[in-house]
């Protein structure tokens, strides 16, 4: 399974997991609610998963500017 982690705000690629035997449990996805899974994880046509998280830069920007929490996307 290939899992790509992308920032939900700036769309920058954070990292990839390229492992044949990785499971949802190994990645911690079983800890998420169904709503969280629907919001964060997209199943791609090629069988890969795209996980939307927040990068360090956007996290720090949100900490300095709380109004950014209202926006879905921005560029840093």
PDB file of N, CA and C in Angstrom:
ATOM      1  N   UNK A   1       0.851  -1.170   0.000  1.00  0.00           N
ATOM      2  CA  UNK A   1       0.000   0.000   0.000  1.00  0.00           C
ATOM      3  C   UNK A   1       0.902   1.240   0.000  1.00  0.00           C
ATOM      4  N   UNK A   2       0.533   2.208  -0.787  1.00  0.00           N
ATOM      5  CA  UNK A   2       1.217   3.495  -0.800  1.00  0.00           C
ATOM      6  C   UNK A   2       0.320   4.515  -0.114  1.00  0.00           C
ATOM      7  N   UNK A   3       0.905   5.251   0.832  1.00  0.00           N
ATOM      8  CA  UNK A   3       0.166   6.273   1.555  1.00  0.00           C
ATOM      9  C   UNK A   3       0.926   7.586   1.408  1.00  0.00           C
ATOM     10  N   UNK A   4       0.242   8.600   0.902  1.00  0.00           N
ATOM     11  CA  UNK A   4       0.849   9.913   0.709  1.00  0.00           C
ATOM     12  C   UNK A   4       0.221  10.875   1.714  1.00  0.00           C
ATOM     13  N   UNK A   5       1.068  11.561   2.473  1.00  0.00           N
ATOM     14  CA  UNK A   5       0.615  12.556   3.433  1.00  0.00           C
ATOM     15  C   UNK A   5       0.810  13.938   2.832  1.00  0.00           C
ATOM     16  N   UNK A   6      -0.288  14.737   2.791  1.00  0.00           N
ATOM     17  CA  UNK A   6      -0.296  16.052   2.168  1.00  0.00           C
ATOM     18  C   UNK A   6      -0.925  17.046   3.144  1.00  0.00           C
ATOM     19  N   UNK A   7      -0.383  18.254   3.193  1.00  0.00           N
ATOM     20  CA  UNK A   7      -0.959  19.288   4.049  1.00  0.00           C
ATOM     21  C   UNK A   7      -2.311  19.723   3.488  1.00  0.00           C
ATOM     22  N   UNK A   8      -3.306  19.740   4.320  1.00  0.00           N
ATOM     23  CA  UNK A   8      -4.662  20.107   3.892  1.00  0.00           C
ATOM     24  C   UNK A   8      -4.779  21.587   3.551  1.00  0.00           C
ATOM     25  N   UNK A   9      -3.839  22.407   4.002  1.00  0.00           N
ATOM     26  CA  UNK A   9      -3.924  23.844   3.786  1.00  0.00           C
ATOM     27  C   UNK A   9      -3.104  24.324   2.594  1.00  0.00           C
ATOM     28  N   UNK A  10      -1.848  23.927   2.540  1.00  0.00           N
ATOM     29  CA  UNK A  10      -0.967  24.432   1.474  1.00  0.00           C
ATOM     30  C   UNK A  10      -0.692  23.394   0.397  1.00  0.00           C
ATOM     31  N   UNK A  11      -1.186  22.182   0.588  1.00  0.00           N
ATOM     32  CA  UNK A  11      -1.055  21.089  -0.380  1.00  0.00           C
ATOM     33  C   UNK A  11       0.384  20.602  -0.571  1.00  0.00           C
ATOM     34  N   UNK A  12       1.295  20.971   0.316  1.00  0.00           N
ATOM     35  CA  UNK A  12       2.668  20.469   0.187  1.00  0.00           C
ATOM     36  C   UNK A  12       2.719  19.008   0.630  1.00  0.00           C
ATOM     37  N   UNK A  13       3.583  18.241  -0.028  1.00  0.00           N
ATOM     38  CA  UNK A  13       3.747  16.841   0.321  1.00  0.00           C
ATOM     39  C   UNK A  13       4.599  16.742   1.575  1.00  0.00           C
ATOM     40  N   UNK A  14       4.110  16.024   2.557  1.00  0.00           N
ATOM     41  CA  UNK A  14       4.814  15.880   3.821  1.00  0.00           C
ATOM     42  C   UNK A  14       5.637  14.602   3.829  1.00  0.00           C
ATOM     43  N   UNK A  15       5.098  13.545   3.262  1.00  0.00           N
ATOM     44  CA  UNK A  15       5.834  12.288   3.229  1.00  0.00           C
ATOM     45  C   UNK A  15       5.021  11.178   2.607  1.00  0.00           C
ATOM     46  N   UNK A  16       5.665  10.026   2.431  1.00  0.00           N
ATOM     47  CA  UNK A  16       5.042   8.851   1.838  1.00  0.00           C
ATOM     48  C   UNK A  16       5.396   7.618   2.641  1.00  0.00           C
ATOM     49  N   UNK A  17       4.495   6.666   2.650  1.00  0.00           N
ATOM     50  CA  UNK A  17       4.774   5.342   3.185  1.00  0.00           C
ATOM     51  C   UNK A  17       4.643   4.396   2.005  1.00  0.00           C
ATOM     52  N   UNK A  18       5.720   3.730   1.680  1.00  0.00           N
ATOM     53  CA  UNK A  18       5.736   2.789   0.561  1.00  0.00           C
ATOM     54  C   UNK A  18       6.074   1.416   1.113  1.00  0.00           C
ATOM     55  N   UNK A  19       5.056   0.692   1.527  1.00  0.00           N
ATOM     56  CA  UNK A  19       5.282  -0.603   2.140  1.00  0.00           C
ATOM     57  C   UNK A  19       4.157  -1.537   1.748  1.00  0.00           C
ATOM     58  N   UNK A  20       4.501  -2.721   1.340  1.00  0.00           N
ATOM     59  CA  UNK A  20       3.506  -3.685   0.880  1.00  0.00           C
ATOM     60  C   UNK A  20       2.607  -4.196   2.014  1.00  0.00           C
ATOM     61  N   UNK A  21       3.161  -4.409   3.182  1.00  0.00           N
ATOM     62  CA  UNK A  21       2.427  -5.070   4.253  1.00  0.00           C
ATOM     63  C   UNK A  21       1.910  -4.133   5.340  1.00  0.00           C
ATOM     64  N   UNK A  22       1.784  -2.854   5.064  1.00  0.00           N
ATOM     65  CA  UNK A  22       1.292  -1.912   6.069  1.00  0.00           C
ATOM     66  C   UNK A  22      -0.238  -1.980   6.127  1.00  0.00           C
ATOM     67  N   UNK A  23      -0.776  -1.887   7.339  1.00  0.00           N
ATOM     68  CA  UNK A  23      -2.230  -1.948   7.516  1.00  0.00           C
ATOM     69  C   UNK A  23      -2.740  -0.628   8.091  1.00  0.00           C
ATOM     70  N   UNK A  24      -4.049  -0.458   8.058  1.00  0.00           N
ATOM     71  CA  UNK A  24      -4.665   0.730   8.663  1.00  0.00           C
ATOM     72  C   UNK A  24      -4.338   0.795  10.154  1.00  0.00           C
ATOM     73  N   UNK A  25      -4.273  -0.358  10.795  1.00  0.00           N
ATOM     74  CA  UNK A  25      -3.929  -0.405  12.219  1.00  0.00           C
ATOM     75  C   UNK A  25      -2.497   0.086  12.441  1.00  0.00           C
ATOM     76  N   UNK A  26      -1.565  -0.354  11.587  1.00  0.00           N
ATOM     77  CA  UNK A  26      -0.164   0.084  11.698  1.00  0.00           C
ATOM     78  C   UNK A  26      -0.045   1.599  11.586  1.00  0.00           C
ATOM     79  N   UNK A  27      -0.864   2.212  10.752  1.00  0.00           N
ATOM     80  CA  UNK A  27      -0.808   3.653  10.512  1.00  0.00           C
ATOM     81  C   UNK A  27      -1.634   4.467  11.504  1.00  0.00           C
ATOM     82  N   UNK A  28      -2.364   3.784  12.376  1.00  0.00           N
ATOM     83  CA  UNK A  28      -3.169   4.480  13.378  1.00  0.00           C
ATOM     84  C   UNK A  28      -4.537   4.909  12.884  1.00  0.00           C
ATOM     85  N   UNK A  29      -4.914   4.482  11.689  1.00  0.00           N
ATOM     86  CA  UNK A  29      -6.207   4.890  11.140  1.00  0.00           C
ATOM     87  C   UNK A  29      -7.377   4.311  11.928  1.00  0.00           C
ATOM     88  N   UNK A  30      -7.161   3.213  12.631  1.00  0.00           N
ATOM     89  CA  UNK A  30      -8.240   2.609  13.416  1.00  0.00           C
ATOM     90  C   UNK A  30      -8.588   3.458  14.639  1.00  0.00           C
ATOM     91  N   UNK A  31      -7.736   4.432  14.975  1.00  0.00           N
ATOM     92  CA  UNK A  31      -8.004   5.331  16.091  1.00  0.00           C
ATOM     93  C   UNK A  31      -8.953   6.463  15.696  1.00  0.00           C
ATOM     94  N   UNK A  32      -9.166   6.647  14.402  1.00  0.00           N
ATOM     95  CA  UNK A  32     -10.012   7.733  13.896  1.00  0.00           C
ATOM     96  C   UNK A  32     -11.474   7.321  13.881  1.00  0.00           C
ATOM     97  N   UNK A  33     -12.354   8.302  14.052  1.00  0.00           N
ATOM     98  CA  UNK A  33     -13.787   8.044  13.887  1.00  0.00           C
ATOM     99  C   UNK A  33     -14.079   7.940  12.386  1.00  0.00           C
ATOM    100  N   UNK A  34     -15.248   7.466  12.043  1.00  0.00           N
ATOM    101  CA  UNK A  34     -15.626   7.371  10.632  1.00  0.00           C
ATOM    102  C   UNK A  34     -15.653   8.747   9.973  1.00  0.00           C
ATOM    103  N   UNK A  35     -16.147   9.753  10.698  1.00  0.00           N
ATOM    104  CA  UNK A  35     -16.159  11.122  10.159  1.00  0.00           C
ATOM    105  C   UNK A  35     -14.743  11.625   9.897  1.00  0.00           C
ATOM    106  N   UNK A  36     -13.829  11.368  10.838  1.00  0.00           N
ATOM    107  CA  UNK A  36     -12.442  11.790  10.660  1.00  0.00           C
ATOM    108  C   UNK A  36     -11.806  11.087   9.463  1.00  0.00           C
ATOM    109  N   UNK A  37     -12.088   9.814   9.319  1.00  0.00           N
ATOM    110  CA  UNK A  37     -11.555   9.061   8.171  1.00  0.00           C
ATOM    111  C   UNK A  37     -12.056   9.651   6.862  1.00  0.00           C
ATOM    112  N   UNK A  38     -13.350   9.978   6.793  1.00  0.00           N
ATOM    113  CA  UNK A  38     -13.914  10.550   5.572  1.00  0.00           C
ATOM    114  C   UNK A  38     -13.296  11.903   5.257  1.00  0.00           C
ATOM    115  N   UNK A  39     -13.000  12.697   6.274  1.00  0.00           N
ATOM    116  CA  UNK A  39     -12.425  14.018   6.069  1.00  0.00           C
ATOM    117  C   UNK A  39     -10.949  13.958   5.719  1.00  0.00           C
ATOM    118  N   UNK A  40     -10.231  12.979   6.234  1.00  0.00           N
ATOM    119  CA  UNK A  40      -8.776  12.955   6.105  1.00  0.00           C
ATOM    120  C   UNK A  40      -8.226  12.019   5.036  1.00  0.00           C
ATOM    121  N   UNK A  41      -8.908  10.910   4.769  1.00  0.00           N
ATOM    122  CA  UNK A  41      -8.323   9.870   3.925  1.00  0.00           C
ATOM    123  C   UNK A  41      -9.103   9.745   2.620  1.00  0.00           C
ATOM    124  N   UNK A  42      -8.370   9.835   1.515  1.00  0.00           N
ATOM    125  CA  UNK A  42      -8.965   9.637   0.192  1.00  0.00           C
ATOM    126  C   UNK A  42      -8.336   8.398  -0.429  1.00  0.00           C
ATOM    127  N   UNK A  43      -9.162   7.505  -0.935  1.00  0.00           N
ATOM    128  CA  UNK A  43      -8.663   6.344  -1.645  1.00  0.00           C
ATOM    129  C   UNK A  43      -8.527   6.697  -3.121  1.00  0.00           C
ATOM    130  N   UNK A  44      -7.314   6.584  -3.629  1.00  0.00           N
ATOM    131  CA  UNK A  44      -7.028   6.908  -5.019  1.00  0.00           C
ATOM    132  C   UNK A  44      -7.380   5.730  -5.926  1.00  0.00           C
ATOM    133  N   UNK A  45      -7.521   5.980  -7.212  1.00  0.00           N
ATOM    134  CA  UNK A  45      -7.892   4.939  -8.169  1.00  0.00           C
ATOM    135  C   UNK A  45      -6.847   3.836  -8.275  1.00  0.00           C
ATOM    136  N   UNK A  46      -5.586   4.175  -8.039  1.00  0.00           N
ATOM    137  CA  UNK A  46      -4.521   3.174  -8.149  1.00  0.00           C
ATOM    138  C   UNK A  46      -4.335   2.359  -6.868  1.00  0.00           C
ATOM    139  N   UNK A  47      -5.221   2.531  -5.885  1.00  0.00           N
ATOM    140  CA  UNK A  47      -5.147   1.784  -4.639  1.00  0.00           C
ATOM    141  C   UNK A  47      -4.383   2.488  -3.543  1.00  0.00           C
ATOM    142  N   UNK A  48      -3.749   3.599  -3.854  1.00  0.00           N
ATOM    143  CA  UNK A  48      -3.014   4.378  -2.853  1.00  0.00           C
ATOM    144  C   UNK A  48      -3.998   5.147  -1.981  1.00  0.00           C
ATOM    145  N   UNK A  49      -3.499   5.613  -0.856  1.00  0.00           N
ATOM    146  CA  UNK A  49      -4.301   6.453   0.031  1.00  0.00           C
ATOM    147  C   UNK A  49      -3.623   7.803   0.137  1.00  0.00           C
ATOM    148  N   UNK A  50      -4.426   8.859   0.131  1.00  0.00           N
ATOM    149  CA  UNK A  50      -3.937  10.222   0.312  1.00  0.00           C
ATOM    150  C   UNK A  50      -4.517  10.718   1.632  1.00  0.00           C
ATOM    151  N   UNK A  51      -3.643  11.080   2.558  1.00  0.00           N
ATOM    152  CA  UNK A  51      -4.056  11.495   3.891  1.00  0.00           C
ATOM    153  C   UNK A  51      -3.778  12.980   4.050  1.00  0.00           C
ATOM    154  N   UNK A  52      -4.825  13.729   4.376  1.00  0.00           N
ATOM    155  CA  UNK A  52      -4.680  15.167   4.568  1.00  0.00           C
ATOM    156  C   UNK A  52      -4.433  15.446   6.043  1.00  0.00           C
ATOM    157  N   UNK A  53      -3.264  16.029   6.317  1.00  0.00           N
ATOM    158  CA  UNK A  53      -2.868  16.416   7.662  1.00  0.00           C
ATOM    159  C   UNK A  53      -2.445  17.879   7.615  1.00  0.00           C
ATOM    160  N   UNK A  54      -1.765  18.373   8.617  1.00  0.00           N
ATOM    161  CA  UNK A  54      -1.299  19.754   8.606  1.00  0.00           C
ATOM    162  C   UNK A  54       0.220  19.758   8.778  1.00  0.00           C
ATOM    163  N   UNK A  55       0.896  20.516   7.936  1.00  0.00           N
ATOM    164  CA  UNK A  55       2.359  20.587   8.006  1.00  0.00           C
ATOM    165  C   UNK A  55       2.784  21.527   9.146  1.00  0.00           C
ATOM    166  N   UNK A  56       4.036  21.459   9.486  1.00  0.00           N
ATOM    167  CA  UNK A  56       4.582  22.259  10.576  1.00  0.00           C
ATOM    168  C   UNK A  56       4.433  23.756  10.318  1.00  0.00           C
ATOM    169  N   UNK A  57       4.650  24.174   9.073  1.00  0.00           N
ATOM    170  CA  UNK A  57       4.555  25.597   8.735  1.00  0.00           C
ATOM    171  C   UNK A  57       3.125  26.119   8.921  1.00  0.00           C
ATOM    172  N   UNK A  58       2.157  25.374   8.435  1.00  0.00           N
ATOM    173  CA  UNK A  58       0.766  25.807   8.561  1.00  0.00           C
ATOM    174  C   UNK A  58       0.302  25.751  10.021  1.00  0.00           C
ATOM    175  N   UNK A  59       0.774  24.774  10.752  1.00  0.00           N
ATOM    176  CA  UNK A  59       0.439  24.689  12.172  1.00  0.00           C
ATOM    177  C   UNK A  59       0.940  25.933  12.914  1.00  0.00           C
ATOM    178  N   UNK A  60       2.201  26.285  12.633  1.00  0.00           N
ATOM    179  CA  UNK A  60       2.773  27.471  13.279  1.00  0.00           C
ATOM    180  C   UNK A  60       2.040  28.747  12.849  1.00  0.00           C
ATOM    181  N   UNK A  61       1.657  28.818  11.580  1.00  0.00           N
ATOM    182  CA  UNK A  61       0.903  29.981  11.091  1.00  0.00           C
ATOM    183  C   UNK A  61      -0.442  30.085  11.811  1.00  0.00           C
ATOM    184  N   UNK A  62      -1.096  28.956  12.037  1.00  0.00           N
ATOM    185  CA  UNK A  62      -2.371  28.961  12.756  1.00  0.00           C
ATOM    186  C   UNK A  62      -2.190  29.400  14.205  1.00  0.00           C
ATOM    187  N   UNK A  63      -1.087  29.007  14.802  1.00  0.00           N
ATOM    188  CA  UNK A  63      -0.828  29.401  16.188  1.00  0.00           C
ATOM    189  C   UNK A  63      -0.630  30.911  16.303  1.00  0.00           C
ATOM    190  N   UNK A  64       0.028  31.503  15.292  1.00  0.00           N
ATOM    191  CA  UNK A  64       0.274  32.951  15.308  1.00  0.00           C
ATOM    192  C   UNK A  64      -0.951  33.752  14.870  1.00  0.00           C
ATOM    193  N   UNK A  65      -1.797  33.143  14.029  1.00  0.00           N
ATOM    194  CA  UNK A  65      -2.961  33.829  13.447  1.00  0.00           C
ATOM    195  C   UNK A  65      -4.200  32.945  13.595  1.00  0.00           C
ATOM    196  N   UNK A  66      -4.851  32.967  14.728  1.00  0.00           N
ATOM    197  CA  UNK A  66      -5.998  32.076  14.965  1.00  0.00           C
ATOM    198  C   UNK A  66      -7.124  32.195  13.934  1.00  0.00           C
ATOM    199  N   UNK A  67      -7.247  33.339  13.256  1.00  0.00           N
ATOM    200  CA  UNK A  67      -8.300  33.504  12.252  1.00  0.00           C
ATOM    201  C   UNK A  67      -8.112  32.556  11.070  1.00  0.00           C
ATOM    202  N   UNK A  68      -6.915  32.033  10.880  1.00  0.00           N
ATOM    203  CA  UNK A  68      -6.661  31.107   9.777  1.00  0.00           C
ATOM    204  C   UNK A  68      -7.431  29.796   9.942  1.00  0.00           C
ATOM    205  N   UNK A  69      -7.848  29.479  11.144  1.00  0.00           N
ATOM    206  CA  UNK A  69      -8.627  28.253  11.380  1.00  0.00           C
ATOM    207  C   UNK A  69      -9.915  28.253  10.557  1.00  0.00           C
ATOM    208  N   UNK A  70     -10.398  29.419  10.191  1.00  0.00           N
ATOM    209  CA  UNK A  70     -11.645  29.537   9.439  1.00  0.00           C
ATOM    210  C   UNK A  70     -11.456  29.208   7.960  1.00  0.00           C
ATOM    211  N   UNK A  71     -10.216  29.234   7.466  1.00  0.00           N
ATOM    212  CA  UNK A  71      -9.934  29.008   6.050  1.00  0.00           C
ATOM    213  C   UNK A  71      -9.591  27.542   5.786  1.00  0.00           C
ATOM    214  N   UNK A  72     -10.007  27.057   4.623  1.00  0.00           N
ATOM    215  CA  UNK A  72      -9.658  25.693   4.240  1.00  0.00           C
ATOM    216  C   UNK A  72      -8.249  25.599   3.671  1.00  0.00           C
ATOM    217  N   UNK A  73      -7.843  26.614   2.888  1.00  0.00           N
ATOM    218  CA  UNK A  73      -6.546  26.588   2.213  1.00  0.00           C
ATOM    219  C   UNK A  73      -5.878  27.941   2.314  1.00  0.00           C
ATOM    220  N   UNK A  74      -4.551  27.944   2.329  1.00  0.00           N
ATOM    221  CA  UNK A  74      -3.766  29.156   2.180  1.00  0.00           C
ATOM    222  C   UNK A  74      -2.361  28.737   1.762  1.00  0.00           C
ATOM    223  N   UNK A  75      -1.598  29.690   1.296  1.00  0.00           N
ATOM    224  CA  UNK A  75      -0.239  29.421   0.831  1.00  0.00           C
ATOM    225  C   UNK A  75       0.721  30.076   1.808  1.00  0.00           C
ATOM    226  N   UNK A  76       1.765  29.347   2.187  1.00  0.00           N
ATOM    227  CA  UNK A  76       2.780  29.943   3.074  1.00  0.00           C
ATOM    228  C   UNK A  76       4.057  30.177   2.308  1.00  0.00           C
TER     229      UNK A  76
END
